[in-house]
C-alpha atoms as a PDB file:
ATOM      1  CA  UNK A   1      63.698 103.070  74.300  1.00  0.00           C
ATOM      2  CA  UNK A   2      66.882 105.797  74.339  1.00  0.00           C
ATOM      3  CA  UNK A   3      69.630 105.214  76.830  1.00  0.00           C
ATOM      4  CA  UNK A   4      70.252 107.748  78.936  1.00  0.00           C
ATOM      5  CA  UNK A   5      73.684 108.947  78.969  1.00  0.00           C
ATOM      6  CA  UNK A   6      75.597 110.307  81.642  1.00  0.00           C
ATOM      7  CA  UNK A   7      76.575 113.572  81.761  1.00  0.00           C
ATOM      8  CA  UNK A   8      80.466 113.742  80.812  1.00  0.00           C
ATOM      9  CA  UNK A   9      82.483 114.807  83.988  1.00  0.00           C
ATOM     10  CA  UNK A  10      83.756 118.259  83.194  1.00  0.00           C
ATOM     11  CA  UNK A  11      87.542 118.631  83.056  1.00  0.00           C
ATOM     12  CA  UNK A  12      89.074 120.486  85.640  1.00  0.00           C
ATOM     13  CA  UNK A  13      91.157 123.001  84.258  1.00  0.00           C
ATOM     14  CA  UNK A  14      93.680 124.875  86.932  1.00  0.00           C
ATOM     15  CA  UNK A  15      95.112 128.056  86.705  1.00  0.00           C
ATOM     16  CA  UNK A  16      98.757 128.785  85.770  1.00  0.00           C
ATOM     17  CA  UNK A  17      99.026 129.813  89.438  1.00  0.00           C
ATOM     18  CA  UNK A  18      97.511 126.453  90.679  1.00  0.00           C
ATOM     19  CA  UNK A  19      99.815 124.249  88.236  1.00  0.00           C
ATOM     20  CA  UNK A  20     102.945 126.363  89.793  1.00  0.00           C
ATOM     21  CA  UNK A  21     101.380 125.444  93.309  1.00  0.00           C
ATOM     22  CA  UNK A  22     101.274 121.934  92.379  1.00  0.00           C
ATOM     23  CA  UNK A  23     104.147 121.047  90.368  1.00  0.00           C
ATOM     24  CA  UNK A  24     106.479 122.577  93.465  1.00  0.00           C
ATOM     25  CA  UNK A  25     104.453 120.514  95.500  1.00  0.00           C
ATOM     26  CA  UNK A  26     105.072 117.447  94.100  1.00  0.00           C
ATOM     27  CA  UNK A  27     108.854 118.040  93.259  1.00  0.00           C
ATOM     28  CA  UNK A  28     108.911 117.821  97.255  1.00  0.00           C
ATOM     29  CA  UNK A  29     106.634 114.773  97.398  1.00  0.00           C
ATOM     30  CA  UNK A  30     109.357 112.991  94.550  1.00  0.00           C
ATOM     31  CA  UNK A  31     111.970 113.953  96.457  1.00  0.00           C
ATOM     32  CA  UNK A  32     111.940 111.495  99.471  1.00  0.00           C
ATOM     33  CA  UNK A  33     111.808 107.866  99.206  1.00  0.00           C
ATOM     34  CA  UNK A  34     108.283 107.484 101.489  1.00  0.00           C
ATOM     35  CA  UNK A  35     105.224 109.069 101.590  1.00  0.00           C
ATOM     36  CA  UNK A  36     104.362 112.632 103.666  1.00  0.00           C
ATOM     37  CA  UNK A  37     101.830 114.640 104.976  1.00  0.00           C
ATOM     38  CA  UNK A  38     100.699 117.744 103.214  1.00  0.00           C
ATOM     39  CA  UNK A  39     101.719 119.357 106.482  1.00  0.00           C
ATOM     40  CA  UNK A  40     105.356 118.439 105.346  1.00  0.00           C
ATOM     41  CA  UNK A  41     104.484 119.692 101.598  1.00  0.00           C
ATOM     42  CA  UNK A  42     103.300 122.867 103.137  1.00  0.00           C
ATOM     43  CA  UNK A  43     106.170 123.928 105.569  1.00  0.00           C
ATOM     44  CA  UNK A  44     108.659 122.942 102.322  1.00  0.00           C
ATOM     45  CA  UNK A  45     106.348 125.919 100.385  1.00  0.00           C
ATOM     46  CA  UNK A  46     106.369 128.111 103.488  1.00  0.00           C
ATOM     47  CA  UNK A  47     110.219 128.117 103.780  1.00  0.00           C
ATOM     48  CA  UNK A  48     110.232 128.928  99.795  1.00  0.00           C
ATOM     49  CA  UNK A  49     108.072 131.978 100.538  1.00  0.00           C
ATOM     50  CA  UNK A  50     105.231 130.661  98.682  1.00  0.00           C
ATOM     51  CA  UNK A  51     102.793 131.362 101.621  1.00  0.00           C
ATOM     52  CA  UNK A  52     103.088 134.268 104.147  1.00  0.00           C
ATOM     53  CA  UNK A  53     100.915 132.260 107.263  1.00  0.00           C
ATOM     54  CA  UNK A  54      99.594 129.385 108.627  1.00  0.00           C
ATOM     55  CA  UNK A  55      96.377 130.206 107.721  1.00  0.00           C
ATOM     56  CA  UNK A  56      96.917 129.633 103.855  1.00  0.00           C
ATOM     57  CA  UNK A  57      97.591 125.978 104.771  1.00  0.00           C
ATOM     58  CA  UNK A  58      93.539 125.507 104.935  1.00  0.00           C
ATOM     59  CA  UNK A  59      92.567 128.470 102.589  1.00  0.00           C
ATOM     60  CA  UNK A  60      95.247 127.746  99.927  1.00  0.00           C
ATOM     61  CA  UNK A  61      97.133 124.944 100.025  1.00  0.00           C
ATOM     62  CA  UNK A  62      94.489 121.921 101.018  1.00  0.00           C
ATOM     63  CA  UNK A  63      91.623 122.900  98.315  1.00  0.00           C
ATOM     64  CA  UNK A  64      94.258 122.617  94.716  1.00  0.00           C
ATOM     65  CA  UNK A  65      95.927 119.575  96.595  1.00  0.00           C
ATOM     66  CA  UNK A  66      92.791 117.825  97.513  1.00  0.00           C
ATOM     67  CA  UNK A  67      91.135 118.788  93.870  1.00  0.00           C
ATOM     68  CA  UNK A  68      94.102 117.350  92.049  1.00  0.00           C
ATOM     69  CA  UNK A  69      93.865 114.345  94.180  1.00  0.00           C
ATOM     70  CA  UNK A  70      90.386 113.954  93.343  1.00  0.00           C
ATOM     71  CA  UNK A  71      90.789 114.589  89.716  1.00  0.00           C
ATOM     72  CA  UNK A  72      94.183 112.411  89.547  1.00  0.00           C
ATOM     73  CA  UNK A  73      95.633 115.455  87.864  1.00  0.00           C
ATOM     74  CA  UNK A  74      98.886 114.886  86.290  1.00  0.00           C
ATOM     75  CA  UNK A  75     100.284 111.910  88.533  1.00  0.00           C
ATOM     76  CA  UNK A  76      98.538 113.170  91.487  1.00  0.00           C
ATOM     77  CA  UNK A  77      96.494 110.168  93.056  1.00  0.00           C
ATOM     78  CA  UNK A  78      94.224 109.989  96.323  1.00  0.00           C
ATOM     79  CA  UNK A  79      96.970 107.911  98.295  1.00  0.00           C
ATOM     80  CA  UNK A  80      99.831 110.773  97.115  1.00  0.00           C
ATOM     81  CA  UNK A  81      99.718 112.094 100.599  1.00  0.00           C
ATOM     82  CA  UNK A  82     100.376 110.050 103.719  1.00  0.00           C
ATOM     83  CA  UNK A  83      97.447 109.171 106.495  1.00  0.00           C
ATOM     84  CA  UNK A  84      98.544 106.923 109.200  1.00  0.00           C
ATOM     85  CA  UNK A  85      96.262 105.560 111.983  1.00  0.00           C
ATOM     86  CA  UNK A  86      97.213 104.961 115.648  1.00  0.00           C
ATOM     87  CA  UNK A  87      98.705 101.408 116.313  1.00  0.00           C
ATOM     88  CA  UNK A  88     101.987 100.020 117.461  1.00  0.00           C
ATOM     89  CA  UNK A  89     104.449  98.167 114.328  1.00  0.00           C
ATOM     90  CA  UNK A  90     105.866  95.703 115.939  1.00  0.00           C
ATOM     91  CA  UNK A  91     109.103  95.912 114.034  1.00  0.00           C
ATOM     92  CA  UNK A  92     112.114  93.875 115.188  1.00  0.00           C
ATOM     93  CA  UNK A  93     110.278  91.049 117.033  1.00  0.00           C
ATOM     94  CA  UNK A  94     110.199  87.466 115.832  1.00  0.00           C
ATOM     95  CA  UNK A  95     111.974  84.696 116.016  1.00  0.00           C
ATOM     96  CA  UNK A  96     114.599  84.076 118.835  1.00  0.00           C
ATOM     97  CA  UNK A  97     116.328  81.295 116.079  1.00  0.00           C
ATOM     98  CA  UNK A  98     115.854  78.962 113.461  1.00  0.00           C
ATOM     99  CA  UNK A  99     113.929  76.611 115.028  1.00  0.00           C
ATOM    100  CA  UNK A 100     110.860  79.139 116.150  1.00  0.00           C
ATOM    101  CA  UNK A 101     110.413  79.476 112.394  1.00  0.00           C
ATOM    102  CA  UNK A 102     107.827  77.623 110.195  1.00  0.00           C
ATOM    103  CA  UNK A 103     107.988  77.538 106.675  1.00  0.00           C
ATOM    104  CA  UNK A 104     104.221  78.886 105.950  1.00  0.00           C
ATOM    105  CA  UNK A 105     104.972  82.147 108.242  1.00  0.00           C
ATOM    106  CA  UNK A 106     107.166  85.611 106.903  1.00  0.00           C
ATOM    107  CA  UNK A 107     110.647  84.951 107.911  1.00  0.00           C
ATOM    108  CA  UNK A 108     111.393  87.320 110.647  1.00  0.00           C
ATOM    109  CA  UNK A 109     114.118  86.830 112.806  1.00  0.00           C
ATOM    110  CA  UNK A 110     114.559  88.737 116.401  1.00  0.00           C
ATOM    111  CA  UNK A 111     116.188  92.260 115.983  1.00  0.00           C
ATOM    112  CA  UNK A 112     116.597  92.618 119.808  1.00  0.00           C
ATOM    113  CA  UNK A 113     118.231  89.431 121.120  1.00  0.00           C
ATOM    114  CA  UNK A 114     122.080  90.278 121.138  1.00  0.00           C
ATOM    115  CA  UNK A 115     121.277  93.933 121.348  1.00  0.00           C
ATOM    116  CA  UNK A 116     122.367  95.647 124.764  1.00  0.00           C
ATOM    117  CA  UNK A 117     118.400  97.417 124.816  1.00  0.00           C
ATOM    118  CA  UNK A 118     115.311  96.847 124.155  1.00  0.00           C
ATOM    119  CA  UNK A 119     113.950 100.021 122.247  1.00  0.00           C
ATOM    120  CA  UNK A 120     110.888 101.534 121.309  1.00  0.00           C
ATOM    121  CA  UNK A 121     110.178 104.701 119.464  1.00  0.00           C
ATOM    122  CA  UNK A 122     107.107 107.327 119.889  1.00  0.00           C
ATOM    123  CA  UNK A 123     106.080 110.095 118.044  1.00  0.00           C
ATOM    124  CA  UNK A 124     103.723 112.669 118.282  1.00  0.00           C
ATOM    125  CA  UNK A 125     103.284 113.158 114.436  1.00  0.00           C
ATOM    126  CA  UNK A 126     101.511 109.582 113.693  1.00  0.00           C
ATOM    127  CA  UNK A 127     101.338 111.029 109.666  1.00  0.00           C
ATOM    128  CA  UNK A 128     105.433 111.035 109.595  1.00  0.00           C
ATOM    129  CA  UNK A 129     105.336 106.972 110.075  1.00  0.00           C
ATOM    130  CA  UNK A 130     106.767 106.261 106.998  1.00  0.00           C
ATOM    131  CA  UNK A 131     109.584 108.522 107.154  1.00  0.00           C
ATOM    132  CA  UNK A 132     110.414 106.948 110.724  1.00  0.00           C
ATOM    133  CA  UNK A 133     109.711 103.013 109.124  1.00  0.00           C
ATOM    134  CA  UNK A 134     112.560 104.386 105.947  1.00  0.00           C
ATOM    135  CA  UNK A 135     115.172 105.401 109.032  1.00  0.00           C
ATOM    136  CA  UNK A 136     115.248 103.310 111.599  1.00  0.00           C
ATOM    137  CA  UNK A 137     115.016  99.341 111.410  1.00  0.00           C
ATOM    138  CA  UNK A 138     114.138  96.481 113.942  1.00  0.00           C
ATOM    139  CA  UNK A 139     112.756  98.891 116.081  1.00  0.00           C
ATOM    140  CA  UNK A 140     108.689  98.871 117.268  1.00  0.00           C
ATOM    141  CA  UNK A 141     106.726 102.402 116.020  1.00  0.00           C
ATOM    142  CA  UNK A 142     104.517 103.951 118.247  1.00  0.00           C
ATOM    143  CA  UNK A 143     102.284 106.754 116.544  1.00  0.00           C
ATOM    144  CA  UNK A 144     100.891 108.850 119.351  1.00  0.00           C
ATOM    145  CA  UNK A 145      99.228 111.388 117.141  1.00  0.00           C
ATOM    146  CA  UNK A 146      98.510 114.163 119.787  1.00  0.00           C
ATOM    147  CA  UNK A 147      97.082 112.783 123.142  1.00  0.00           C
ATOM    148  CA  UNK A 148      96.802 108.783 123.165  1.00  0.00           C
ATOM    149  CA  UNK A 149      94.012 107.052 124.249  1.00  0.00           C
ATOM    150  CA  UNK A 150      93.418 104.927 127.327  1.00  0.00           C
ATOM    151  CA  UNK A 151      93.355 101.942 125.679  1.00  0.00           C
ATOM    152  CA  UNK A 152      96.346 102.677 123.030  1.00  0.00           C
ATOM    153  CA  UNK A 153      98.371 103.893 126.522  1.00  0.00           C
ATOM    154  CA  UNK A 154      97.623 100.396 127.904  1.00  0.00           C
ATOM    155  CA  UNK A 155      98.610  98.796 124.475  1.00  0.00           C
ATOM    156  CA  UNK A 156     101.770  99.948 125.252  1.00  0.00           C
ATOM    157  CA  UNK A 157     102.416  99.565 128.783  1.00  0.00           C
ATOM    158  CA  UNK A 158     101.640  95.853 128.528  1.00  0.00           C
ATOM    159  CA  UNK A 159     103.898  95.502 125.511  1.00  0.00           C
ATOM    160  CA  UNK A 160     106.920  96.578 127.126  1.00  0.00           C
ATOM    161  CA  UNK A 161     106.284  94.214 130.078  1.00  0.00           C
ATOM    162  CA  UNK A 162     106.173  91.474 127.552  1.00  0.00           C
ATOM    163  CA  UNK A 163     109.629  92.350 125.875  1.00  0.00           C
ATOM    164  CA  UNK A 164     111.399  92.833 129.743  1.00  0.00           C
ATOM    165  CA  UNK A 165     109.545  89.085 130.227  1.00  0.00           C
ATOM    166  CA  UNK A 166     111.139  88.524 126.724  1.00  0.00           C
ATOM    167  CA  UNK A 167     114.471  90.053 126.722  1.00  0.00           C
ATOM    168  CA  UNK A 168     115.424  91.054 130.466  1.00  0.00           C
ATOM    169  CA  UNK A 169     117.290  93.816 128.844  1.00  0.00           C
ATOM    170  CA  UNK A 170     117.083  97.661 129.636  1.00  0.00           C
ATOM    171  CA  UNK A 171     114.678  99.244 128.567  1.00  0.00           C
ATOM    172  CA  UNK A 172     114.362 102.575 125.813  1.00  0.00           C
ATOM    173  CA  UNK A 173     111.970 104.847 124.540  1.00  0.00           C
ATOM    174  CA  UNK A 174     112.876 107.386 122.486  1.00  0.00           C
ATOM    175  CA  UNK A 175     110.243 110.225 121.726  1.00  0.00           C
ATOM    176  CA  UNK A 176     109.895 112.957 119.107  1.00  0.00           C
ATOM    177  CA  UNK A 177     107.794 115.347 118.972  1.00  0.00           C
ATOM    178  CA  UNK A 178     106.535 118.928 118.488  1.00  0.00           C
ATOM    179  CA  UNK A 179     108.757 121.899 120.381  1.00  0.00           C
ATOM    180  CA  UNK A 180     105.507 123.378 122.083  1.00  0.00           C
ATOM    181  CA  UNK A 181     103.313 123.576 124.360  1.00  0.00           C
ATOM    182  CA  UNK A 182     101.571 120.200 123.643  1.00  0.00           C
ATOM    183  CA  UNK A 183     104.480 118.991 122.435  1.00  0.00           C
ATOM    184  CA  UNK A 184     105.965 118.534 125.640  1.00  0.00           C
ATOM    185  CA  UNK A 185     102.555 117.939 127.523  1.00  0.00           C
ATOM    186  CA  UNK A 186     101.578 114.885 125.149  1.00  0.00           C
ATOM    187  CA  UNK A 187     104.428 112.494 126.663  1.00  0.00           C
ATOM    188  CA  UNK A 188     104.502 113.610 130.036  1.00  0.00           C
ATOM    189  CA  UNK A 189     100.485 113.033 130.442  1.00  0.00           C
ATOM    190  CA  UNK A 190     101.275 109.730 128.222  1.00  0.00           C
ATOM    191  CA  UNK A 191     104.121 108.281 129.916  1.00  0.00           C
ATOM    192  CA  UNK A 192     102.737 108.950 133.470  1.00  0.00           C
ATOM    193  CA  UNK A 193     100.048 106.496 132.615  1.00  0.00           C
ATOM    194  CA  UNK A 194     102.003 104.175 130.825  1.00  0.00           C
ATOM    195  CA  UNK A 195     104.693 104.248 133.616  1.00  0.00           C
ATOM    196  CA  UNK A 196     102.157 103.438 136.063  1.00  0.00           C
ATOM    197  CA  UNK A 197     100.784 100.767 134.151  1.00  0.00           C
ATOM    198  CA  UNK A 198     103.719  98.887 133.279  1.00  0.00           C
ATOM    199  CA  UNK A 199     105.016  96.742 135.914  1.00  0.00           C
ATOM    200  CA  UNK A 200     108.844  96.903 134.326  1.00  0.00           C
ATOM    201  CA  UNK A 201     111.062  99.715 134.506  1.00  0.00           C
ATOM    202  CA  UNK A 202     111.775 102.293 131.408  1.00  0.00           C
ATOM    203  CA  UNK A 203     113.629 105.128 130.529  1.00  0.00           C
ATOM    204  CA  UNK A 204     112.195 107.552 127.728  1.00  0.00           C
ATOM    205  CA  UNK A 205     114.396 109.761 126.115  1.00  0.00           C
ATOM    206  CA  UNK A 206     113.544 112.492 124.665  1.00  0.00           C
ATOM    207  CA  UNK A 207     115.168 113.162 121.279  1.00  0.00           C
ATOM    208  CA  UNK A 208     113.826 116.306 119.652  1.00  0.00           C
ATOM    209  CA  UNK A 209     112.196 118.543 118.596  1.00  0.00           C
ATOM    210  CA  UNK A 210     114.024 121.041 121.082  1.00  0.00           C
ATOM    211  CA  UNK A 211     114.295 124.606 120.625  1.00  0.00           C
ATOM    212  CA  UNK A 212     118.120 124.296 120.619  1.00  0.00           C
ATOM    213  CA  UNK A 213     117.554 121.863 117.785  1.00  0.00           C
ATOM    214  CA  UNK A 214     115.208 124.294 115.656  1.00  0.00           C
ATOM    215  CA  UNK A 215     117.586 127.412 116.002  1.00  0.00           C
ATOM    216  CA  UNK A 216     120.391 125.552 115.081  1.00  0.00           C
ATOM    217  CA  UNK A 217     118.649 123.620 112.013  1.00  0.00           C
ATOM    218  CA  UNK A 218     116.609 127.440 111.178  1.00  0.00           C
ATOM    219  CA  UNK A 219     113.715 125.201 111.167  1.00  0.00           C
ATOM    220  CA  UNK A 220     110.572 128.166 110.622  1.00  0.00           C
ATOM    221  CA  UNK A 221     108.516 129.071 113.710  1.00  0.00           C
ATOM    222  CA  UNK A 222     104.774 128.043 113.916  1.00  0.00           C
ATOM    223  CA  UNK A 223     103.487 130.990 111.838  1.00  0.00           C
ATOM    224  CA  UNK A 224     100.732 131.859 114.257  1.00  0.00           C
ATOM    225  CA  UNK A 225     102.953 130.788 117.358  1.00  0.00           C
ATOM    226  CA  UNK A 226     105.744 132.413 117.839  1.00  0.00           C
ATOM    227  CA  UNK A 227     108.875 130.573 119.693  1.00  0.00           C
ATOM    228  CA  UNK A 228     107.241 127.113 118.609  1.00  0.00           C
ATOM    229  CA  UNK A 229     108.839 124.822 115.909  1.00  0.00           C
ATOM    230  CA  UNK A 230     106.628 121.395 114.854  1.00  0.00           C
ATOM    231  CA  UNK A 231     108.472 118.357 113.548  1.00  0.00           C
ATOM    232  CA  UNK A 232     107.166 118.362 109.869  1.00  0.00           C
ATOM    233  CA  UNK A 233     108.532 121.428 109.273  1.00  0.00           C
ATOM    234  CA  UNK A 234     111.989 120.314 109.339  1.00  0.00           C
ATOM    235  CA  UNK A 235     113.675 118.739 106.203  1.00  0.00           C
ATOM    236  CA  UNK A 236     113.875 115.388 105.304  1.00  0.00           C
ATOM    237  CA  UNK A 237     117.942 115.736 105.997  1.00  0.00           C
ATOM    238  CA  UNK A 238     117.279 117.215 109.469  1.00  0.00           C
ATOM    239  CA  UNK A 239     114.834 114.865 110.280  1.00  0.00           C
ATOM    240  CA  UNK A 240     117.374 111.883 109.055  1.00  0.00           C
ATOM    241  CA  UNK A 241     119.828 113.543 111.182  1.00  0.00           C
ATOM    242  CA  UNK A 242     117.516 113.666 114.725  1.00  0.00           C
ATOM    243  CA  UNK A 243     116.455 110.177 113.989  1.00  0.00           C
ATOM    244  CA  UNK A 244     119.487 107.948 113.104  1.00  0.00           C
ATOM    245  CA  UNK A 245     121.507 109.586 115.777  1.00  0.00           C
ATOM    246  CA  UNK A 246     119.339 109.041 118.547  1.00  0.00           C
ATOM    247  CA  UNK A 247     118.568 105.508 117.285  1.00  0.00           C
ATOM    248  CA  UNK A 248     122.593 104.567 116.937  1.00  0.00           C
ATOM    249  CA  UNK A 249     123.224 105.261 120.512  1.00  0.00           C
ATOM    250  CA  UNK A 250     121.075 102.260 121.783  1.00  0.00           C
ATOM    251  CA  UNK A 251     120.710  99.623 118.872  1.00  0.00           C
ATOM    252  CA  UNK A 252     124.267  98.809 117.222  1.00  0.00           C
ATOM    253  CA  UNK A 253     123.745  99.001 113.281  1.00  0.00           C
ATOM    254  CA  UNK A 254     127.021  96.132 113.204  1.00  0.00           C
ATOM    255  CA  UNK A 255     124.652  93.604 115.209  1.00  0.00           C
ATOM    256  CA  UNK A 256     121.902  94.574 113.440  1.00  0.00           C
ATOM    257  CA  UNK A 257     123.131  93.948 109.847  1.00  0.00           C
ATOM    258  CA  UNK A 258     124.420  90.244 110.957  1.00  0.00           C
ATOM    259  CA  UNK A 259     120.916  89.709 111.772  1.00  0.00           C
ATOM    260  CA  UNK A 260     119.850  90.731 108.818  1.00  0.00           C
ATOM    261  CA  UNK A 261     122.009  88.519 106.583  1.00  0.00           C
ATOM    262  CA  UNK A 262     121.246  85.603 109.009  1.00  0.00           C
ATOM    263  CA  UNK A 263     117.250  86.221 108.072  1.00  0.00           C
ATOM    264  CA  UNK A 264     118.448  86.577 104.243  1.00  0.00           C
ATOM    265  CA  UNK A 265     119.894  83.176 104.498  1.00  0.00           C
ATOM    266  CA  UNK A 266     117.741  81.807 105.931  1.00  0.00           C
ATOM    267  CA  UNK A 267     114.717  82.886 103.556  1.00  0.00           C
ATOM    268  CA  UNK A 268     116.883  81.086 100.707  1.00  0.00           C
ATOM    269  CA  UNK A 269     117.277  78.133 102.364  1.00  0.00           C
ATOM    270  CA  UNK A 270     113.715  77.792 103.225  1.00  0.00           C
ATOM    271  CA  UNK A 271     113.014  79.255  99.358  1.00  0.00           C
ATOM    272  CA  UNK A 272     115.128  76.271  98.111  1.00  0.00           C
ATOM    273  CA  UNK A 273     113.843  73.355 100.451  1.00  0.00           C
ATOM    274  CA  UNK A 274     110.445  74.249  99.000  1.00  0.00           C
ATOM    275  CA  UNK A 275     111.755  74.717  95.445  1.00  0.00           C
ATOM    276  CA  UNK A 276     111.021  78.208  94.934  1.00  0.00           C
ATOM    277  CA  UNK A 277     113.313  80.769  93.484  1.00  0.00           C
END
């Protein structure tokens, strides 16, 4: 009996125009050291004049991008673009000193012990998590991804209570979001509930994106909504400036470096005791 031969998958051959779009998109993706979203790439191309309206995001941008990822075309891969879930990333939360560190767990010294404030960062565009990870160190990240759910807001409220109990320091919540109707409504609604459920005081600081910042940076408007701007329309350098400027007001970078140096020395010491290189 003859074996059935599976039909060989037909090779995808994009047009020259599609290849140009893919190459430009990949160049932007490779220009930063963290994963970005399709929306972020689209705004780079929009600023270059490749597209003339937001409708092109679904109609002209995503179809070839999705196809390239599925076909593993010239360096494209299913996980080339970011897709983050909504969960608190507890960065900076660790052992208060060497006595709390055990050899069978990751060595993480607490990043807030010697700081003046306990800080967390909340932000609207959850898929930009890797951008915030890259430009911050030792600060918990809380992506909202639109309106935060009731359980998620409760988790943040209880986390802040735990932080106050552990550190007894003033608490600052830095918020980053879009400059549009929902960009202001989302944190207002979320922190109304979080403040109600949290039995400790904390200050919410709206860092941006503001209209003034968008105009200063020359950020393109949302094509479908005049005078409204999205975080992902910021270039990497612009986002870096907003993030790091805000963080440095409440996190002493010299103290952070000292803590990281102690952490590295502790890791080295433990590896030596275990006979590891």
